[in-house]
PDB file of N, CA and C in Angstrom:
ATOM      1  N   UNK A   1       0.893  -1.241   0.064  1.00  0.00           N
ATOM      2  CA  UNK A   1       0.062   0.166  -0.013  1.00  0.00           C
ATOM      3  C   UNK A   1       0.905   1.214  -0.096  1.00  0.00           C
ATOM      4  N   UNK A   2       0.501   2.130  -0.745  1.00  0.00           N
ATOM      5  CA  UNK A   2       1.495   3.454  -0.873  1.00  0.00           C
ATOM      6  C   UNK A   2       1.005   4.388   0.209  1.00  0.00           C
ATOM      7  N   UNK A   3       1.934   4.874   0.674  1.00  0.00           N
ATOM      8  CA  UNK A   3       1.702   5.837   1.842  1.00  0.00           C
ATOM      9  C   UNK A   3       1.197   7.287   1.212  1.00  0.00           C
ATOM     10  N   UNK A   4       0.217   7.939   2.062  1.00  0.00           N
ATOM     11  CA  UNK A   4      -0.196   9.255   1.487  1.00  0.00           C
ATOM     12  C   UNK A   4       0.879  10.345   1.419  1.00  0.00           C
ATOM     13  N   UNK A   5       0.521  11.312   0.876  1.00  0.00           N
ATOM     14  CA  UNK A   5       1.381  12.530   0.762  1.00  0.00           C
ATOM     15  C   UNK A   5       0.967  13.585   1.748  1.00  0.00           C
ATOM     16  N   UNK A   6       1.860  14.344   2.317  1.00  0.00           N
ATOM     17  CA  UNK A   6       1.581  15.308   3.151  1.00  0.00           C
ATOM     18  C   UNK A   6       0.477  16.363   2.728  1.00  0.00           C
ATOM     19  N   UNK A   7      -0.580  16.790   3.680  1.00  0.00           N
ATOM     20  CA  UNK A   7      -1.415  17.750   3.140  1.00  0.00           C
ATOM     21  C   UNK A   7      -0.962  19.005   3.028  1.00  0.00           C
ATOM     22  N   UNK A   8      -1.335  19.868   1.964  1.00  0.00           N
ATOM     23  CA  UNK A   8      -1.077  21.228   1.802  1.00  0.00           C
ATOM     24  C   UNK A   8      -1.744  22.111   2.970  1.00  0.00           C
ATOM     25  N   UNK A   9      -1.208  23.300   3.166  1.00  0.00           N
ATOM     26  CA  UNK A   9      -1.770  24.038   4.251  1.00  0.00           C
ATOM     27  C   UNK A   9      -3.247  24.320   3.967  1.00  0.00           C
ATOM     28  N   UNK A  10      -3.595  24.444   2.644  1.00  0.00           N
ATOM     29  CA  UNK A  10      -5.084  24.585   2.304  1.00  0.00           C
ATOM     30  C   UNK A  10      -5.921  23.457   2.784  1.00  0.00           C
ATOM     31  N   UNK A  11      -5.331  22.249   2.335  1.00  0.00           N
ATOM     32  CA  UNK A  11      -5.935  20.956   2.774  1.00  0.00           C
ATOM     33  C   UNK A  11      -6.277  20.823   4.205  1.00  0.00           C
ATOM     34  N   UNK A  12      -5.219  21.232   4.898  1.00  0.00           N
ATOM     35  CA  UNK A  12      -5.095  20.909   6.446  1.00  0.00           C
ATOM     36  C   UNK A  12      -6.079  21.975   6.988  1.00  0.00           C
ATOM     37  N   UNK A  13      -6.014  23.066   6.606  1.00  0.00           N
ATOM     38  CA  UNK A  13      -6.979  24.302   7.065  1.00  0.00           C
ATOM     39  C   UNK A  13      -8.408  23.937   6.900  1.00  0.00           C
ATOM     40  N   UNK A  14      -8.666  23.314   5.668  1.00  0.00           N
ATOM     41  CA  UNK A  14      -9.979  22.884   5.411  1.00  0.00           C
ATOM     42  C   UNK A  14     -10.505  21.615   6.125  1.00  0.00           C
ATOM     43  N   UNK A  15      -9.535  20.792   6.690  1.00  0.00           N
ATOM     44  CA  UNK A  15      -9.875  19.572   7.379  1.00  0.00           C
ATOM     45  C   UNK A  15     -10.089  19.895   8.824  1.00  0.00           C
ATOM     46  N   UNK A  16      -9.406  20.808   9.357  1.00  0.00           N
ATOM     47  CA  UNK A  16      -9.247  21.151  10.928  1.00  0.00           C
ATOM     48  C   UNK A  16     -10.558  21.234  11.416  1.00  0.00           C
ATOM     49  N   UNK A  17     -11.595  21.832  10.806  1.00  0.00           N
ATOM     50  CA  UNK A  17     -13.049  22.029  11.509  1.00  0.00           C
ATOM     51  C   UNK A  17     -13.591  20.622  11.619  1.00  0.00           C
ATOM     52  N   UNK A  18     -13.305  19.727  10.967  1.00  0.00           N
ATOM     53  CA  UNK A  18     -13.958  18.264  11.260  1.00  0.00           C
ATOM     54  C   UNK A  18     -13.360  17.614  12.412  1.00  0.00           C
ATOM     55  N   UNK A  19     -12.094  18.208  13.096  1.00  0.00           N
ATOM     56  CA  UNK A  19     -11.535  17.646  14.252  1.00  0.00           C
ATOM     57  C   UNK A  19     -11.291  18.827  15.173  1.00  0.00           C
ATOM     58  N   UNK A  20     -12.372  19.484  15.675  1.00  0.00           N
ATOM     59  CA  UNK A  20     -12.327  20.698  16.329  1.00  0.00           C
ATOM     60  C   UNK A  20     -11.388  20.698  17.659  1.00  0.00           C
ATOM     61  N   UNK A  21     -11.158  19.676  18.387  1.00  0.00           N
ATOM     62  CA  UNK A  21     -10.352  19.712  19.412  1.00  0.00           C
ATOM     63  C   UNK A  21      -9.018  19.483  19.280  1.00  0.00           C
ATOM     64  N   UNK A  22      -8.546  19.276  18.068  1.00  0.00           N
ATOM     65  CA  UNK A  22      -7.135  19.107  17.540  1.00  0.00           C
ATOM     66  C   UNK A  22      -6.603  20.354  17.220  1.00  0.00           C
ATOM     67  N   UNK A  23      -5.303  20.570  17.505  1.00  0.00           N
ATOM     68  CA  UNK A  23      -4.525  21.719  16.939  1.00  0.00           C
ATOM     69  C   UNK A  23      -3.354  21.280  16.073  1.00  0.00           C
ATOM     70  N   UNK A  24      -2.534  22.003  15.628  1.00  0.00           N
ATOM     71  CA  UNK A  24      -1.490  21.824  14.936  1.00  0.00           C
ATOM     72  C   UNK A  24      -0.466  22.390  15.935  1.00  0.00           C
ATOM     73  N   UNK A  25       0.706  21.557  16.296  1.00  0.00           N
ATOM     74  CA  UNK A  25       1.645  22.028  16.933  1.00  0.00           C
ATOM     75  C   UNK A  25       2.964  21.228  16.532  1.00  0.00           C
ATOM     76  N   UNK A  26       3.982  21.964  16.132  1.00  0.00           N
ATOM     77  CA  UNK A  26       5.196  21.349  15.866  1.00  0.00           C
ATOM     78  C   UNK A  26       5.087  20.382  14.612  1.00  0.00           C
ATOM     79  N   UNK A  27       4.108  20.794  13.756  1.00  0.00           N
ATOM     80  CA  UNK A  27       3.969  20.002  12.541  1.00  0.00           C
ATOM     81  C   UNK A  27       3.184  18.753  12.743  1.00  0.00           C
ATOM     82  N   UNK A  28       2.609  18.603  13.895  1.00  0.00           N
ATOM     83  CA  UNK A  28       1.741  17.427  14.131  1.00  0.00           C
ATOM     84  C   UNK A  28       0.292  17.749  14.654  1.00  0.00           C
ATOM     85  N   UNK A  29      -0.671  16.955  14.430  1.00  0.00           N
ATOM     86  CA  UNK A  29      -1.884  17.196  15.082  1.00  0.00           C
ATOM     87  C   UNK A  29      -1.637  16.710  16.462  1.00  0.00           C
ATOM     88  N   UNK A  30      -2.243  17.650  17.423  1.00  0.00           N
ATOM     89  CA  UNK A  30      -2.091  17.457  18.999  1.00  0.00           C
ATOM     90  C   UNK A  30      -3.401  17.481  19.597  1.00  0.00           C
ATOM     91  N   UNK A  31      -3.592  16.746  20.516  1.00  0.00           N
ATOM     92  CA  UNK A  31      -4.741  16.822  21.431  1.00  0.00           C
ATOM     93  C   UNK A  31      -4.511  16.278  22.638  1.00  0.00           C
ATOM     94  N   UNK A  32      -5.095  16.711  23.747  1.00  0.00           N
ATOM     95  CA  UNK A  32      -5.106  16.092  25.115  1.00  0.00           C
ATOM     96  C   UNK A  32      -6.475  15.517  25.495  1.00  0.00           C
ATOM     97  N   UNK A  33      -6.557  14.345  25.619  1.00  0.00           N
ATOM     98  CA  UNK A  33      -7.880  13.748  26.132  1.00  0.00           C
ATOM     99  C   UNK A  33      -7.892  13.577  27.719  1.00  0.00           C
ATOM    100  N   UNK A  34      -8.964  13.999  28.221  1.00  0.00           N
ATOM    101  CA  UNK A  34      -9.041  13.675  29.787  1.00  0.00           C
ATOM    102  C   UNK A  34     -10.235  12.754  29.983  1.00  0.00           C
ATOM    103  N   UNK A  35     -10.011  12.036  31.006  1.00  0.00           N
ATOM    104  CA  UNK A  35     -11.022  10.882  31.300  1.00  0.00           C
ATOM    105  C   UNK A  35     -11.194  10.810  33.006  1.00  0.00           C
ATOM    106  N   UNK A  36     -12.288  10.269  33.374  1.00  0.00           N
ATOM    107  CA  UNK A  36     -12.611  10.212  34.823  1.00  0.00           C
ATOM    108  C   UNK A  36     -11.523   9.615  35.697  1.00  0.00           C
ATOM    109  N   UNK A  37     -10.761   8.663  35.213  1.00  0.00           N
ATOM    110  CA  UNK A  37      -9.640   8.045  35.931  1.00  0.00           C
ATOM    111  C   UNK A  37      -8.570   7.356  35.049  1.00  0.00           C
ATOM    112  N   UNK A  38      -7.619   6.686  35.643  1.00  0.00           N
ATOM    113  CA  UNK A  38      -6.618   5.963  35.013  1.00  0.00           C
ATOM    114  C   UNK A  38      -7.343   4.851  34.221  1.00  0.00           C
ATOM    115  N   UNK A  39      -8.121   4.094  34.637  1.00  0.00           N
ATOM    116  CA  UNK A  39      -8.694   2.910  34.006  1.00  0.00           C
ATOM    117  C   UNK A  39      -9.352   3.440  32.753  1.00  0.00           C
ATOM    118  N   UNK A  40     -10.216   4.489  32.797  1.00  0.00           N
ATOM    119  CA  UNK A  40     -10.894   4.833  31.544  1.00  0.00           C
ATOM    120  C   UNK A  40      -9.962   5.541  30.579  1.00  0.00           C
ATOM    121  N   UNK A  41      -8.815   6.081  30.889  1.00  0.00           N
ATOM    122  CA  UNK A  41      -7.707   6.641  30.103  1.00  0.00           C
ATOM    123  C   UNK A  41      -6.959   5.292  29.458  1.00  0.00           C
ATOM    124  N   UNK A  42      -6.667   4.517  30.216  1.00  0.00           N
ATOM    125  CA  UNK A  42      -5.992   3.234  29.722  1.00  0.00           C
ATOM    126  C   UNK A  42      -6.900   2.464  28.761  1.00  0.00           C
ATOM    127  N   UNK A  43      -8.181   2.266  29.127  1.00  0.00           N
ATOM    128  CA  UNK A  43      -9.097   1.577  28.141  1.00  0.00           C
ATOM    129  C   UNK A  43      -9.250   2.363  26.883  1.00  0.00           C
ATOM    130  N   UNK A  44      -9.194   3.646  26.898  1.00  0.00           N
ATOM    131  CA  UNK A  44      -9.161   4.350  25.626  1.00  0.00           C
ATOM    132  C   UNK A  44      -7.891   4.020  24.786  1.00  0.00           C
ATOM    133  N   UNK A  45      -6.825   3.980  25.435  1.00  0.00           N
ATOM    134  CA  UNK A  45      -5.645   3.751  24.727  1.00  0.00           C
ATOM    135  C   UNK A  45      -5.591   2.404  24.162  1.00  0.00           C
ATOM    136  N   UNK A  46      -6.125   1.280  24.855  1.00  0.00           N
ATOM    137  CA  UNK A  46      -6.241   0.051  24.343  1.00  0.00           C
ATOM    138  C   UNK A  46      -7.202  -0.034  23.026  1.00  0.00           C
ATOM    139  N   UNK A  47      -8.152   0.760  22.998  1.00  0.00           N
ATOM    140  CA  UNK A  47      -9.273   0.711  21.969  1.00  0.00           C
ATOM    141  C   UNK A  47      -8.539   1.416  20.785  1.00  0.00           C
ATOM    142  N   UNK A  48      -7.987   2.615  21.191  1.00  0.00           N
ATOM    143  CA  UNK A  48      -7.258   3.313  19.991  1.00  0.00           C
ATOM    144  C   UNK A  48      -5.916   2.608  19.421  1.00  0.00           C
ATOM    145  N   UNK A  49      -5.379   1.835  20.019  1.00  0.00           N
ATOM    146  CA  UNK A  49      -4.186   1.133  19.674  1.00  0.00           C
ATOM    147  C   UNK A  49      -4.819   0.075  18.534  1.00  0.00           C
ATOM    148  N   UNK A  50      -5.817  -0.558  18.832  1.00  0.00           N
ATOM    149  CA  UNK A  50      -6.530  -1.383  17.764  1.00  0.00           C
ATOM    150  C   UNK A  50      -6.829  -0.659  16.625  1.00  0.00           C
ATOM    151  N   UNK A  51      -7.432   0.441  16.596  1.00  0.00           N
ATOM    152  CA  UNK A  51      -7.727   1.267  15.463  1.00  0.00           C
ATOM    153  C   UNK A  51      -6.619   1.765  14.731  1.00  0.00           C
ATOM    154  N   UNK A  52      -5.481   2.132  15.452  1.00  0.00           N
ATOM    155  CA  UNK A  52      -4.214   2.489  14.888  1.00  0.00           C
ATOM    156  C   UNK A  52      -3.643   1.365  14.142  1.00  0.00           C
ATOM    157  N   UNK A  53      -3.557   0.160  14.661  1.00  0.00           N
ATOM    158  CA  UNK A  53      -3.134  -1.069  14.030  1.00  0.00           C
ATOM    159  C   UNK A  53      -3.802  -1.394  12.653  1.00  0.00           C
ATOM    160  N   UNK A  54      -5.150  -1.226  12.733  1.00  0.00           N
ATOM    161  CA  UNK A  54      -5.954  -1.500  11.520  1.00  0.00           C
ATOM    162  C   UNK A  54      -5.575  -0.455  10.388  1.00  0.00           C
ATOM    163  N   UNK A  55      -5.169   0.696  10.711  1.00  0.00           N
ATOM    164  CA  UNK A  55      -4.567   1.797   9.752  1.00  0.00           C
ATOM    165  C   UNK A  55      -3.305   1.631   9.478  1.00  0.00           C
ATOM    166  N   UNK A  56      -2.592   0.922  10.225  1.00  0.00           N
ATOM    167  CA  UNK A  56      -1.034   0.670  10.032  1.00  0.00           C
ATOM    168  C   UNK A  56      -0.508   2.064  10.332  1.00  0.00           C
ATOM    169  N   UNK A  57      -0.905   2.749  11.211  1.00  0.00           N
ATOM    170  CA  UNK A  57      -0.512   4.253  11.569  1.00  0.00           C
ATOM    171  C   UNK A  57      -0.660   4.342  13.051  1.00  0.00           C
ATOM    172  N   UNK A  58       0.474   4.793  13.653  1.00  0.00           N
ATOM    173  CA  UNK A  58       0.658   4.741  15.124  1.00  0.00           C
ATOM    174  C   UNK A  58       0.870   6.035  15.834  1.00  0.00           C
ATOM    175  N   UNK A  59       0.144   6.407  16.808  1.00  0.00           N
ATOM    176  CA  UNK A  59       0.503   7.675  17.344  1.00  0.00           C
ATOM    177  C   UNK A  59       1.575   7.841  18.362  1.00  0.00           C
ATOM    178  N   UNK A  60       2.122   9.063  18.482  1.00  0.00           N
ATOM    179  CA  UNK A  60       3.055   9.280  19.528  1.00  0.00           C
ATOM    180  C   UNK A  60       2.116   9.817  20.643  1.00  0.00           C
ATOM    181  N   UNK A  61       2.319   9.067  21.756  1.00  0.00           N
ATOM    182  CA  UNK A  61       1.247   9.545  22.828  1.00  0.00           C
ATOM    183  C   UNK A  61       1.916   9.117  24.336  1.00  0.00           C
ATOM    184  N   UNK A  62       1.236   9.778  25.275  1.00  0.00           N
ATOM    185  CA  UNK A  62       1.702   9.435  26.622  1.00  0.00           C
ATOM    186  C   UNK A  62       0.567   9.580  27.629  1.00  0.00           C
ATOM    187  N   UNK A  63       0.523   8.912  28.703  1.00  0.00           N
ATOM    188  CA  UNK A  63      -0.537   8.796  29.653  1.00  0.00           C
ATOM    189  C   UNK A  63      -0.007   9.049  30.961  1.00  0.00           C
ATOM    190  N   UNK A  64      -0.685   9.986  31.658  1.00  0.00           N
ATOM    191  CA  UNK A  64      -0.590  10.265  33.035  1.00  0.00           C
ATOM    192  C   UNK A  64      -1.848  10.402  33.726  1.00  0.00           C
ATOM    193  N   UNK A  65      -2.148   9.332  34.592  1.00  0.00           N
ATOM    194  CA  UNK A  65      -3.474   9.200  35.286  1.00  0.00           C
ATOM    195  C   UNK A  65      -4.666   9.310  34.365  1.00  0.00           C
ATOM    196  N   UNK A  66      -5.290  10.374  34.426  1.00  0.00           N
ATOM    197  CA  UNK A  66      -6.593  10.464  33.540  1.00  0.00           C
ATOM    198  C   UNK A  66      -6.418  11.182  32.341  1.00  0.00           C
ATOM    199  N   UNK A  67      -5.317  11.440  31.859  1.00  0.00           N
ATOM    200  CA  UNK A  67      -4.872  12.126  30.779  1.00  0.00           C
ATOM    201  C   UNK A  67      -4.184  11.440  29.635  1.00  0.00           C
ATOM    202  N   UNK A  68      -4.461  11.542  28.518  1.00  0.00           N
ATOM    203  CA  UNK A  68      -3.755  10.947  27.302  1.00  0.00           C
ATOM    204  C   UNK A  68      -3.440  12.080  26.318  1.00  0.00           C
ATOM    205  N   UNK A  69      -2.195  12.266  26.225  1.00  0.00           N
ATOM    206  CA  UNK A  69      -1.553  13.487  25.162  1.00  0.00           C
ATOM    207  C   UNK A  69      -1.178  12.725  23.922  1.00  0.00           C
ATOM    208  N   UNK A  70      -1.791  13.248  22.782  1.00  0.00           N
ATOM    209  CA  UNK A  70      -1.606  12.581  21.448  1.00  0.00           C
ATOM    210  C   UNK A  70      -1.002  13.592  20.469  1.00  0.00           C
ATOM    211  N   UNK A  71       0.066  13.051  19.701  1.00  0.00           N
ATOM    212  CA  UNK A  71       0.491  13.803  18.581  1.00  0.00           C
ATOM    213  C   UNK A  71       0.561  12.828  17.282  1.00  0.00           C
ATOM    214  N   UNK A  72      -0.138  13.368  16.151  1.00  0.00           N
ATOM    215  CA  UNK A  72      -0.186  12.433  15.004  1.00  0.00           C
ATOM    216  C   UNK A  72       0.646  13.177  13.864  1.00  0.00           C
ATOM    217  N   UNK A  73       1.435  12.439  13.165  1.00  0.00           N
ATOM    218  CA  UNK A  73       2.018  12.833  11.871  1.00  0.00           C
ATOM    219  C   UNK A  73       2.429  11.543  11.218  1.00  0.00           C
ATOM    220  N   UNK A  74       2.601  11.593  10.001  1.00  0.00           N
ATOM    221  CA  UNK A  74       3.006  10.553   9.237  1.00  0.00           C
ATOM    222  C   UNK A  74       4.507  10.599   8.973  1.00  0.00           C
ATOM    223  N   UNK A  75       5.483  10.053   9.666  1.00  0.00           N
ATOM    224  CA  UNK A  75       6.850  10.281   9.797  1.00  0.00           C
ATOM    225  C   UNK A  75       7.426  10.010   8.334  1.00  0.00           C
ATOM    226  N   UNK A  76       6.976   8.843   7.694  1.00  0.00           N
ATOM    227  CA  UNK A  76       7.497   8.702   6.426  1.00  0.00           C
ATOM    228  C   UNK A  76       7.219   9.550   5.349  1.00  0.00           C
ATOM    229  N   UNK A  77       6.285  10.229   5.502  1.00  0.00           N
ATOM    230  CA  UNK A  77       5.607  11.299   4.499  1.00  0.00           C
ATOM    231  C   UNK A  77       6.243  12.628   4.905  1.00  0.00           C
ATOM    232  N   UNK A  78       6.605  12.911   6.112  1.00  0.00           N
ATOM    233  CA  UNK A  78       7.267  14.167   6.565  1.00  0.00           C
ATOM    234  C   UNK A  78       6.198  15.130   6.897  1.00  0.00           C
ATOM    235  N   UNK A  79       5.002  14.781   7.318  1.00  0.00           N
ATOM    236  CA  UNK A  79       4.045  15.754   7.782  1.00  0.00           C
ATOM    237  C   UNK A  79       2.642  15.163   8.036  1.00  0.00           C
ATOM    238  N   UNK A  80       1.613  15.921   8.222  1.00  0.00           N
ATOM    239  CA  UNK A  80       0.322  15.517   8.624  1.00  0.00           C
ATOM    240  C   UNK A  80      -0.290  14.968   7.120  1.00  0.00           C
ATOM    241  N   UNK A  81      -0.838  13.820   7.147  1.00  0.00           N
ATOM    242  CA  UNK A  81      -1.607  13.141   5.982  1.00  0.00           C
ATOM    243  C   UNK A  81      -2.959  12.857   6.257  1.00  0.00           C
ATOM    244  N   UNK A  82      -3.716  12.312   5.474  1.00  0.00           N
ATOM    245  CA  UNK A  82      -5.087  11.848   5.627  1.00  0.00           C
ATOM    246  C   UNK A  82      -5.070  10.728   6.510  1.00  0.00           C
ATOM    247  N   UNK A  83      -3.995   9.999   6.719  1.00  0.00           N
ATOM    248  CA  UNK A  83      -4.030   8.987   7.721  1.00  0.00           C
ATOM    249  C   UNK A  83      -4.161   9.520   9.185  1.00  0.00           C
ATOM    250  N   UNK A  84      -3.518  10.625   9.328  1.00  0.00           N
ATOM    251  CA  UNK A  84      -3.592  11.371  10.667  1.00  0.00           C
ATOM    252  C   UNK A  84      -5.000  11.869  10.967  1.00  0.00           C
ATOM    253  N   UNK A  85      -5.629  12.339   9.982  1.00  0.00           N
ATOM    254  CA  UNK A  85      -7.113  12.942  10.103  1.00  0.00           C
ATOM    255  C   UNK A  85      -7.995  11.764  10.343  1.00  0.00           C
ATOM    256  N   UNK A  86      -7.748  10.585   9.712  1.00  0.00           N
ATOM    257  CA  UNK A  86      -8.692   9.389   9.876  1.00  0.00           C
ATOM    258  C   UNK A  86      -8.319   8.910  11.418  1.00  0.00           C
ATOM    259  N   UNK A  87      -7.329   8.793  11.837  1.00  0.00           N
ATOM    260  CA  UNK A  87      -6.801   8.262  13.241  1.00  0.00           C
ATOM    261  C   UNK A  87      -7.506   9.357  14.227  1.00  0.00           C
ATOM    262  N   UNK A  88      -7.373  10.585  14.073  1.00  0.00           N
ATOM    263  CA  UNK A  88      -7.865  11.641  14.927  1.00  0.00           C
ATOM    264  C   UNK A  88      -9.412  11.421  15.132  1.00  0.00           C
ATOM    265  N   UNK A  89     -10.086  11.473  13.934  1.00  0.00           N
ATOM    266  CA  UNK A  89     -11.525  11.218  14.038  1.00  0.00           C
ATOM    267  C   UNK A  89     -11.948   9.857  14.711  1.00  0.00           C
ATOM    268  N   UNK A  90     -11.199   8.800  14.508  1.00  0.00           N
ATOM    269  CA  UNK A  90     -11.476   7.612  15.225  1.00  0.00           C
ATOM    270  C   UNK A  90     -11.281   7.689  16.702  1.00  0.00           C
ATOM    271  N   UNK A  91     -10.054   8.449  17.092  1.00  0.00           N
ATOM    272  CA  UNK A  91      -9.850   8.575  18.458  1.00  0.00           C
ATOM    273  C   UNK A  91     -10.938   9.387  19.028  1.00  0.00           C
ATOM    274  N   UNK A  92     -11.384  10.410  18.456  1.00  0.00           N
ATOM    275  CA  UNK A  92     -12.604  11.226  18.971  1.00  0.00           C
ATOM    276  C   UNK A  92     -13.767  10.502  19.346  1.00  0.00           C
ATOM    277  N   UNK A  93     -14.157   9.634  18.241  1.00  0.00           N
ATOM    278  CA  UNK A  93     -15.302   8.391  18.496  1.00  0.00           C
ATOM    279  C   UNK A  93     -15.043   7.688  19.738  1.00  0.00           C
ATOM    280  N   UNK A  94     -13.850   7.118  19.603  1.00  0.00           N
ATOM    281  CA  UNK A  94     -13.577   6.220  20.860  1.00  0.00           C
ATOM    282  C   UNK A  94     -13.569   6.746  22.122  1.00  0.00           C
ATOM    283  N   UNK A  95     -13.266   8.201  22.137  1.00  0.00           N
ATOM    284  CA  UNK A  95     -13.291   8.918  23.383  1.00  0.00           C
ATOM    285  C   UNK A  95     -14.734   9.542  23.814  1.00  0.00           C
ATOM    286  N   UNK A  96     -15.645   9.385  22.875  1.00  0.00           N
ATOM    287  CA  UNK A  96     -17.073   9.769  23.052  1.00  0.00           C
ATOM    288  C   UNK A  96     -17.168  11.181  22.769  1.00  0.00           C
ATOM    289  N   UNK A  97     -16.286  11.647  21.781  1.00  0.00           N
ATOM    290  CA  UNK A  97     -16.555  13.177  21.387  1.00  0.00           C
ATOM    291  C   UNK A  97     -16.882  13.320  19.793  1.00  0.00           C
TER     292      UNK A  97
END
């Protein structure tokens, strides 16, 4: 499967309203998810890991108690691609947003 190309600034600007809680920081899509407790945060990460594996696209993320911080970029494409948008939307759904 060929990897997607980075989105242009215009394409990215047009796509951002579809993922309103995400920002662009350091050339990556960025979001912090908050949950009621560690168990809920870890459960989200487990579900998101399965979704990421299906896309063959994996997040840079960290967890501290009730918080999961996520950065998405397609490293081999050198920027944000449609895969990052797909995974961001799926993560929003999994988090109930």
